[in-house]
Amino acid sequence: MADRRKFLKTLAGGSAGAMLAGLPAAAPGLPSPPAIADEAYWELVKAQFSVRPGLIMMNAANLCPSPRAVAEAVSTLTRAVDADASFQNRAQFDAMREQARSAIAAQIGADPAELAITRNTSEGNNTIVQGLELGPGDEVVIWDENHPTNREAWQVRARRDGFQVRQVSVDPTGSLIEPFLRAMGSATRVLSVSHLSNLTGVLLPAGELCAEARNRGVYVHLDGAQTFGSHVLDLHAIACDSYASSSHKWYCGPKEAGILYVRADRISEVWATDVGVGYAETPEHGARKFESLGQRDDACVAAMVTAAELHDRIGKERIEARVRELTEALIAGLQEAVPGISFSMPPSPRSRGGVVIFQLPGKDGREVFSRLYDEHGVAGAPTGGIRLSPHIYNTLADVHHAVSAVAALA
């Protein structure tokens, strides 16, 4: 198998460049950010996406549209596979996968060998849940706002293997770290939490939490579904032990692609849950051992290169600043336009991200969610009441329209 991989790698070196050269530019017509006024620039960013006229997408916490360049890359690469499914032709996708791995690792403050290209956050979370050595007498501390793949998955495994799961609640108006510190005891082996809650919009102080856990010898896993692509990340600085996320949310990448970061000195402690062609337990292979998943959608994985290029083109600091600008404009607008509105997020902007969750007095959240879309062309989610999560394909005009729509239904 090693010989086959070496053979394919050799083939890839000569053909991947040609394939990449044939892909559409990541952001055609998009100048460098400082070249023009801010809102005009973001209008050009919005123009990179194919969202139908009259629809305002504010559901980034669930699913983002891909820019046309990413969608076209998937289509182009899929046609390339269908036109020639030989080993020789498909070898070039190995090189593109490695290019995506290196680009994304640089964006999130990780080494390429620490990064697995998975199918989504759920797969990454479950790899950690199933891969760590745990048994009777051990304890895992989780947040009650975790996604089911980071909450129920732990509970199911605990029933099978006899360890305990302790669930922690957090008051958004109080300390976001003390409840976890109180919950961790001598039996605690793992702390597994969402970096940013999709249920309340709470952004945990991950760096502080990881430092406290490390002092206690506790492994920390972060579900980063809501921060990959929306926040500036430096996973080495945060010092978590693992981090999982998806390409299809804030990263605006291809669907059914994701990442799993495992810190270099922790990789050997996590068992791979899938073992197949290409599996290897070596330092050089690193976190790649977690992506031995059988036949993948090569085009989808390779198109992550285009998504990475878009993020590099705009800049991760500028993306986070824009998400925060839209979020704070949305919150301020709703507070002014809708008397009696209540929010689930913390009062401090530092402790929240791009997830805005609110309740309207005397209104059913699911009905408002439906009417926002049907009558006003605003796509959100009914999570916790009404959830709106704006992103780089939104403008301040979109925010003002959403505020007016909510006010009309209040």
Protein backbone atom coordinates (compact mmCIF):
# COMPACT_ATOMS: atom_id res chain seq x y z
CA MET A 1 0.00 0.00 0.00
CA ALA A 2 2.89 2.37 0.76
CA ASP A 3 4.25 1.72 -2.75
CA ARG A 4 0.88 2.54 -4.30
CA ARG A 5 0.64 5.80 -2.34
CA LYS A 6 4.18 6.75 -3.37
CA PHE A 7 3.32 5.99 -7.00
CA LEU A 8 0.19 8.14 -6.88
CA LYS A 9 2.04 10.95 -5.14
CA THR A 10 4.64 10.95 -7.91
CA LEU A 11 1.90 11.14 -10.54
CA ALA A 12 0.17 13.94 -8.65
CA GLY A 13 3.19 16.18 -8.69
CA GLY A 14 3.05 16.63 -12.43
CA SER A 15 -0.69 17.03 -12.92
CA ALA A 16 -2.13 18.85 -9.91
CA GLY A 17 -0.73 22.18 -11.03
CA ALA A 18 -2.49 21.91 -14.37
CA MET A 19 -5.77 20.96 -12.71
CA LEU A 20 -5.55 23.84 -10.23
CA ALA A 21 -4.73 26.26 -13.02
CA GLY A 22 -7.98 25.28 -14.70
CA LEU A 23 -10.14 26.14 -11.70
CA PRO A 24 -12.03 29.45 -11.48
CA ALA A 25 -10.44 32.24 -9.46
CA ALA A 26 -11.53 32.16 -5.82
CA ALA A 27 -12.93 35.70 -5.94
CA PRO A 28 -13.03 37.09 -9.49
CA GLY A 29 -13.34 40.86 -9.57
CA LEU A 30 -12.73 41.23 -5.84
CA PRO A 31 -9.98 43.79 -5.17
CA SER A 32 -7.76 43.82 -2.13
CA PRO A 33 -9.85 45.04 0.83
CA PRO A 34 -8.17 48.44 1.41
CA ALA A 35 -8.73 49.52 -2.19
CA ILE A 36 -12.31 50.77 -1.79
CA ALA A 37 -14.79 51.94 0.83
CA ASP A 38 -15.95 49.28 3.27
CA GLU A 39 -19.61 48.82 2.34
CA ALA A 40 -18.86 48.97 -1.38
CA TYR A 41 -16.28 46.24 -0.84
CA TRP A 42 -18.79 44.02 0.96
CA GLU A 43 -21.26 44.53 -1.88
CA LEU A 44 -18.59 42.99 -4.14
CA VAL A 45 -18.14 40.12 -1.69
CA LYS A 46 -21.89 39.52 -1.74
CA ALA A 47 -21.74 39.45 -5.54
CA GLN A 48 -19.46 36.39 -5.33
CA PHE A 49 -22.45 34.34 -4.14
CA SER A 50 -25.45 33.05 -6.09
CA VAL A 51 -28.16 33.73 -3.50
CA ARG A 52 -31.35 34.44 -5.43
CA PRO A 53 -32.52 38.06 -5.62
CA GLY A 54 -34.95 39.00 -2.88
CA LEU A 55 -33.62 36.43 -0.38
CA ILE A 56 -31.51 37.41 2.62
CA MET A 57 -29.63 34.43 4.01
CA MET A 58 -28.98 34.79 7.75
CA ASN A 59 -28.56 31.15 8.68
CA ALA A 60 -24.77 30.79 8.71
CA ALA A 61 -24.99 28.89 12.00
CA ASN A 62 -26.63 26.06 10.05
CA LEU A 63 -25.60 26.21 6.37
CA CYS A 64 -23.90 28.83 4.23
CA PRO A 65 -24.13 29.22 0.48
CA SER A 66 -20.83 28.58 -1.25
CA PRO A 67 -19.45 31.34 -3.46
CA ARG A 68 -19.77 30.61 -7.15
CA ALA A 69 -16.05 29.89 -7.42
CA VAL A 70 -16.31 27.06 -4.88
CA ALA A 71 -19.43 25.61 -6.51
CA GLU A 72 -17.78 25.81 -9.92
CA ALA A 73 -14.61 24.17 -8.58
CA VAL A 74 -16.66 21.24 -7.28
CA SER A 75 -18.41 20.97 -10.65
CA THR A 76 -15.18 21.23 -12.66
CA LEU A 77 -13.37 18.69 -10.53
CA THR A 78 -16.33 16.30 -10.57
CA ARG A 79 -16.36 16.40 -14.36
CA ALA A 80 -12.62 15.72 -14.34
CA VAL A 81 -13.18 12.54 -12.32
CA ASP A 82 -16.11 11.44 -14.46
CA ALA A 83 -14.13 12.02 -17.64
CA ASP A 84 -11.20 9.95 -16.42
CA ALA A 85 -11.59 7.82 -13.28
CA SER A 86 -8.15 6.22 -13.67
CA PHE A 87 -5.61 6.02 -10.87
CA GLN A 88 -3.41 8.29 -12.95
CA ASN A 89 -5.96 11.08 -13.22
CA ARG A 90 -7.24 10.81 -9.65
CA ALA A 91 -3.70 11.00 -8.25
CA GLN A 92 -3.73 14.77 -8.68
CA PHE A 93 -6.44 15.05 -6.04
CA ASP A 94 -3.97 13.85 -3.40
CA ALA A 95 -1.86 16.92 -4.05
CA MET A 96 -4.88 19.24 -3.92
CA ARG A 97 -5.99 17.70 -0.63
CA GLU A 98 -2.54 18.37 0.80
CA GLN A 99 -2.63 21.93 -0.49
CA ALA A 100 -5.98 22.45 1.24
CA ARG A 101 -4.62 20.89 4.43
CA SER A 102 -1.61 23.23 4.47
CA ALA A 103 -3.67 26.33 3.70
CA ILE A 104 -6.28 25.62 6.36
CA ALA A 105 -3.66 24.68 8.95
CA ALA A 106 -1.96 28.04 8.42
CA GLN A 107 -5.30 29.83 8.81
CA ILE A 108 -6.14 28.21 12.15
CA GLY A 109 -2.71 28.18 13.77
CA ALA A 110 -1.95 24.48 13.38
CA ASP A 111 0.59 22.24 11.66
CA PRO A 112 -0.58 20.31 8.58
CA ALA A 113 0.23 16.97 10.24
CA GLU A 114 -2.21 17.87 13.04
CA LEU A 115 -5.14 18.26 10.64
CA ALA A 116 -7.46 15.60 9.22
CA ILE A 117 -9.84 16.43 6.36
CA THR A 118 -13.11 14.88 7.51
CA ARG A 119 -16.69 15.06 6.26
CA ASN A 120 -18.14 17.38 8.93
CA THR A 121 -18.04 18.44 12.59
CA SER A 122 -20.20 15.50 13.60
CA GLU A 123 -17.62 13.05 12.32
CA GLY A 124 -14.80 14.90 14.05
CA ASN A 125 -16.68 15.06 17.35
CA ASN A 126 -17.48 11.36 17.23
CA THR A 127 -13.88 10.47 16.42
CA ILE A 128 -12.85 12.08 19.71
CA VAL A 129 -15.81 10.65 21.65
CA GLN A 130 -15.07 7.12 20.48
CA GLY A 131 -11.30 7.41 20.25
CA LEU A 132 -10.20 8.40 23.75
CA GLU A 133 -9.44 5.68 26.31
CA LEU A 134 -12.10 5.93 29.03
CA GLY A 135 -13.68 3.50 31.45
CA PRO A 136 -15.16 3.00 34.93
CA GLY A 137 -14.03 5.64 37.38
CA ASP A 138 -13.47 8.26 34.69
CA GLU A 139 -15.58 11.37 34.14
CA VAL A 140 -16.28 13.60 31.14
CA VAL A 141 -17.55 17.16 31.69
CA ILE A 142 -19.72 18.62 28.92
CA TRP A 143 -21.80 21.75 28.35
CA ASP A 144 -25.55 21.32 28.22
CA GLU A 145 -25.53 23.52 25.10
CA ASN A 146 -23.33 21.12 23.13
CA HIS A 147 -24.49 19.77 19.79
CA PRO A 148 -25.90 16.21 20.07
CA THR A 149 -22.69 14.84 18.52
CA ASN A 150 -20.83 16.36 21.45
CA ARG A 151 -23.44 15.64 24.10
CA GLU A 152 -25.60 12.59 23.39
CA ALA A 153 -22.63 10.84 21.78
CA TRP A 154 -20.78 11.03 25.12
CA GLN A 155 -23.83 9.75 26.99
CA VAL A 156 -24.25 6.78 24.66
CA ARG A 157 -20.60 5.82 24.99
CA ALA A 158 -20.73 6.27 28.78
CA ARG A 159 -23.57 3.75 29.00
CA ARG A 160 -21.46 1.27 27.06
CA ASP A 161 -18.12 1.77 28.80
CA GLY A 162 -19.16 2.68 32.33
CA PHE A 163 -17.75 6.18 32.84
CA GLN A 164 -19.68 9.22 34.06
CA VAL A 165 -20.79 12.30 32.15
CA ARG A 166 -21.34 15.52 34.08
CA GLN A 167 -23.37 18.22 32.31
CA VAL A 168 -22.79 21.90 33.09
CA SER A 169 -25.14 24.87 32.66
CA VAL A 170 -23.88 28.41 32.13
CA ASP A 171 -25.64 31.70 32.91
CA PRO A 172 -24.92 34.03 29.95
CA THR A 173 -24.98 37.02 32.31
CA GLY A 174 -22.48 35.51 34.75
CA SER A 175 -19.08 33.84 34.65
CA LEU A 176 -18.61 31.67 31.58
CA ILE A 177 -15.73 29.72 33.06
CA GLU A 178 -16.45 29.15 36.78
CA PRO A 179 -19.22 26.55 36.24
CA PHE A 180 -16.75 24.33 34.35
CA LEU A 181 -14.01 24.79 36.92
CA ARG A 182 -16.39 23.77 39.70
CA ALA A 183 -17.46 20.69 37.73
CA MET A 184 -13.96 19.36 37.11
CA GLY A 185 -12.71 17.01 39.82
CA SER A 186 -10.07 14.38 40.40
CA ALA A 187 -11.90 11.88 38.15
CA THR A 188 -12.32 14.30 35.23
CA ARG A 189 -10.42 13.13 32.17
CA VAL A 190 -12.09 15.16 29.41
CA LEU A 191 -13.76 18.56 29.04
CA SER A 192 -15.74 18.70 25.78
CA VAL A 193 -17.60 21.90 24.86
CA SER A 194 -18.82 24.02 21.98
CA HIS A 195 -16.56 26.98 21.34
CA LEU A 196 -19.61 29.07 20.42
CA SER A 197 -23.12 27.89 21.24
CA ASN A 198 -25.65 27.65 18.43
CA LEU A 199 -28.40 27.63 21.08
CA THR A 200 -27.65 30.86 22.97
CA GLY A 201 -24.83 32.57 21.10
CA VAL A 202 -22.45 32.28 24.08
CA LEU A 203 -18.76 32.39 23.09
CA LEU A 204 -16.71 30.56 25.70
CA PRO A 205 -13.28 31.95 26.72
CA ALA A 206 -11.58 28.93 25.20
CA GLY A 207 -8.00 29.92 25.95
CA GLU A 208 -8.67 30.46 29.66
CA LEU A 209 -10.71 27.28 29.87
CA CYS A 210 -7.99 25.22 28.19
CA ALA A 211 -5.30 26.64 30.48
CA GLU A 212 -7.29 25.74 33.59
CA ALA A 213 -8.06 22.27 32.27
CA ARG A 214 -4.46 21.62 31.32
CA ASN A 215 -3.36 22.52 34.86
CA ARG A 216 -5.70 19.76 36.02
CA GLY A 217 -4.44 17.24 33.46
CA VAL A 218 -7.77 17.30 31.59
CA TYR A 219 -8.05 16.73 27.81
CA VAL A 220 -10.05 19.53 26.10
CA HIS A 221 -12.06 19.07 22.92
CA LEU A 222 -13.70 22.04 21.20
CA ASP A 223 -16.61 21.81 18.79
CA GLY A 224 -15.74 24.69 16.48
CA ALA A 225 -18.71 24.50 14.13
CA GLN A 226 -19.54 28.16 14.82
CA THR A 227 -16.02 29.65 14.90
CA PHE A 228 -14.16 28.10 11.94
CA GLY A 229 -14.51 30.70 9.18
CA SER A 230 -16.00 33.40 11.40
CA HIS A 231 -13.34 33.99 14.07
CA VAL A 232 -9.59 34.46 14.06
CA LEU A 233 -8.23 31.15 15.33
CA ASP A 234 -4.84 30.16 16.68
CA LEU A 235 -5.32 26.65 17.99
CA HIS A 236 -1.75 26.41 19.26
CA ALA A 237 -2.33 29.56 21.32
CA ILE A 238 -5.76 28.41 22.52
CA ALA A 239 -4.02 25.16 23.50
CA CYS A 240 -6.99 22.85 23.06
CA ASP A 241 -6.20 19.19 22.50
CA SER A 242 -8.61 18.77 19.60
CA TYR A 243 -11.01 20.88 17.55
CA ALA A 244 -13.63 19.81 15.00
CA SER A 245 -15.52 21.84 12.43
CA SER A 246 -17.27 21.83 9.06
CA SER A 247 -16.65 23.47 5.72
CA HIS A 248 -20.34 24.06 4.98
CA LYS A 249 -21.04 26.66 7.67
CA TRP A 250 -19.05 29.87 8.19
CA TYR A 251 -16.18 28.69 5.98
CA CYS A 252 -18.53 28.84 2.96
CA GLY A 253 -16.80 25.80 1.52
CA PRO A 254 -18.01 22.65 -0.21
CA LYS A 255 -20.66 20.52 1.46
CA GLU A 256 -19.67 17.32 3.27
CA ALA A 257 -16.15 18.42 4.11
CA GLY A 258 -14.71 19.29 7.49
CA ILE A 259 -11.63 19.36 9.67
CA LEU A 260 -10.40 17.61 12.79
CA TYR A 261 -7.38 19.10 14.53
CA VAL A 262 -5.57 16.98 17.11
CA ARG A 263 -2.53 18.45 18.83
CA ALA A 264 0.65 16.62 17.81
CA ASP A 265 1.40 15.20 21.24
CA ARG A 266 -2.18 13.94 21.62
CA ILE A 267 -2.61 12.13 18.29
CA SER A 268 -1.30 8.83 19.66
CA GLU A 269 -3.87 8.98 22.50
CA VAL A 270 -6.85 9.00 20.14
CA TRP A 271 -7.84 5.76 18.39
CA ALA A 272 -9.03 6.05 14.81
CA THR A 273 -12.66 4.97 14.53
CA ASP A 274 -12.31 4.03 10.85
CA VAL A 275 -9.41 1.98 9.52
CA GLY A 276 -8.99 1.35 5.83
CA VAL A 277 -6.84 2.04 2.81
CA GLY A 278 -4.14 4.59 3.63
CA TYR A 279 -4.26 4.12 7.39
CA ALA A 280 -0.93 4.50 9.16
CA GLU A 281 0.20 5.11 12.75
CA THR A 282 3.32 7.18 12.15
CA PRO A 283 4.42 10.68 13.24
CA GLU A 284 4.73 11.69 9.58
CA HIS A 285 1.16 10.55 8.85
CA GLY A 286 -0.10 12.34 11.96
CA ALA A 287 -3.79 13.22 12.05
CA ARG A 288 -4.26 11.75 8.58
CA LYS A 289 -4.97 8.48 10.38
CA PHE A 290 -8.42 9.93 11.16
CA GLU A 291 -9.39 10.30 7.49
CA SER A 292 -9.09 6.66 6.42
CA LEU A 293 -12.74 6.75 5.36
CA GLY A 294 -12.88 4.82 2.11
CA GLN A 295 -13.77 6.43 -1.20
CA ARG A 296 -14.32 10.16 -0.74
CA ASP A 297 -15.82 12.79 -2.97
CA ASP A 298 -12.42 13.83 -4.31
CA ALA A 299 -13.82 16.92 -6.00
CA CYS A 300 -15.43 18.16 -2.79
CA VAL A 301 -12.26 17.73 -0.74
CA ALA A 302 -10.09 19.34 -3.43
CA ALA A 303 -12.44 22.33 -3.73
CA MET A 304 -11.53 23.29 -0.17
CA VAL A 305 -8.47 24.86 -1.80
CA THR A 306 -10.75 27.43 -3.44
CA ALA A 307 -12.57 28.15 -0.18
CA ALA A 308 -9.22 28.62 1.56
CA GLU A 309 -8.12 31.05 -1.15
CA LEU A 310 -11.28 33.14 -0.65
CA HIS A 311 -10.62 33.44 3.09
CA ASP A 312 -7.00 34.37 2.46
CA ARG A 313 -8.09 36.93 -0.12
CA ILE A 314 -10.41 38.72 2.29
CA GLY A 315 -8.37 38.06 5.45
CA LYS A 316 -9.50 36.29 8.61
CA GLU A 317 -9.22 39.42 10.77
CA ARG A 318 -11.39 41.36 8.35
CA ILE A 319 -13.93 38.52 8.22
CA GLU A 320 -14.29 38.39 12.00
CA ALA A 321 -14.56 42.18 12.19
CA ARG A 322 -17.29 42.13 9.53
CA VAL A 323 -19.26 39.38 11.26
CA ARG A 324 -19.09 41.36 14.50
CA GLU A 325 -20.10 44.58 12.75
CA LEU A 326 -23.17 42.95 11.21
CA THR A 327 -24.05 41.19 14.47
CA GLU A 328 -23.86 44.31 16.61
CA ALA A 329 -25.81 46.32 14.02
CA LEU A 330 -28.50 43.64 14.05
CA ILE A 331 -28.72 43.56 17.85
CA ALA A 332 -28.81 47.36 18.13
CA GLY A 333 -31.42 47.63 15.40
CA LEU A 334 -33.68 45.02 16.99
CA GLN A 335 -33.38 46.62 20.42
CA GLU A 336 -34.46 49.96 19.00
CA ALA A 337 -37.21 48.70 16.71
CA VAL A 338 -38.86 46.02 18.87
CA PRO A 339 -39.98 47.00 22.39
CA GLY A 340 -39.79 44.10 24.85
CA ILE A 341 -37.48 41.95 22.74
CA SER A 342 -35.21 39.64 24.75
CA PHE A 343 -31.91 38.06 23.77
CA SER A 344 -30.21 34.81 24.78
CA MET A 345 -26.64 36.04 24.24
CA PRO A 346 -24.37 37.57 26.89
CA PRO A 347 -24.55 41.38 27.20
CA SER A 348 -20.85 41.82 26.36
CA PRO A 349 -19.87 41.70 22.66
CA ARG A 350 -16.63 39.97 23.71
CA SER A 351 -18.64 36.97 24.91
CA ARG A 352 -20.75 36.46 21.80
CA GLY A 353 -20.16 35.84 18.11
CA GLY A 354 -22.26 35.94 14.97
CA VAL A 355 -25.20 33.99 16.41
CA VAL A 356 -28.11 36.26 17.39
CA ILE A 357 -30.99 34.56 19.22
CA PHE A 358 -34.02 36.49 20.40
CA GLN A 359 -37.60 36.11 21.56
CA LEU A 360 -40.54 38.36 20.74
CA PRO A 361 -43.05 38.97 23.55
CA GLY A 362 -46.25 37.00 23.02
CA LYS A 363 -45.08 35.49 19.73
CA ASP A 364 -44.44 31.89 18.75
CA GLY A 365 -40.86 31.67 17.51
CA ARG A 366 -41.55 29.01 14.91
CA GLU A 367 -44.38 31.04 13.39
CA VAL A 368 -42.19 34.15 13.22
CA PHE A 369 -39.39 32.09 11.66
CA SER A 370 -41.76 30.88 8.92
CA ARG A 371 -43.25 34.30 8.24
CA LEU A 372 -39.85 35.97 8.05
CA TYR A 373 -39.03 33.69 5.14
CA ASP A 374 -42.44 33.48 3.47
CA GLU A 375 -43.41 37.16 3.73
CA HIS A 376 -40.10 39.03 4.01
CA GLY A 377 -37.46 36.84 2.37
CA VAL A 378 -35.30 36.50 5.49
CA ALA A 379 -33.94 32.99 6.12
CA GLY A 380 -33.05 32.22 9.74
CA ALA A 381 -33.76 29.40 12.17
CA PRO A 382 -36.32 28.75 14.95
CA THR A 383 -33.59 27.85 17.45
CA GLY A 384 -34.26 29.23 20.94
CA GLY A 385 -36.95 31.54 19.55
CA ILE A 386 -35.60 33.13 16.38
CA ARG A 387 -31.96 32.85 15.33
CA LEU A 388 -30.33 35.10 12.75
CA SER A 389 -26.65 34.65 11.91
CA PRO A 390 -25.33 37.12 9.31
CA HIS A 391 -22.11 36.56 7.39
CA ILE A 392 -19.84 38.12 4.78
CA TYR A 393 -22.42 37.74 2.00
CA ASN A 394 -24.72 40.10 3.92
CA THR A 395 -24.66 43.89 3.80
CA LEU A 396 -25.81 46.49 6.29
CA ALA A 397 -28.82 47.00 4.02
CA ASP A 398 -29.67 43.32 4.56
CA VAL A 399 -29.46 43.86 8.31
CA HIS A 400 -31.79 46.86 8.11
CA HIS A 401 -34.27 44.83 6.05
CA ALA A 402 -34.17 41.99 8.59
CA VAL A 403 -34.78 44.43 11.46
CA SER A 404 -37.76 45.95 9.65
CA ALA A 405 -39.14 42.48 8.93
CA VAL A 406 -38.92 41.41 12.57
CA ALA A 407 -40.49 44.69 13.69
CA ALA A 408 -43.39 44.14 11.28
CA LEU A 409 -44.08 40.74 12.86
CA ALA A 410 -43.63 41.79 16.50
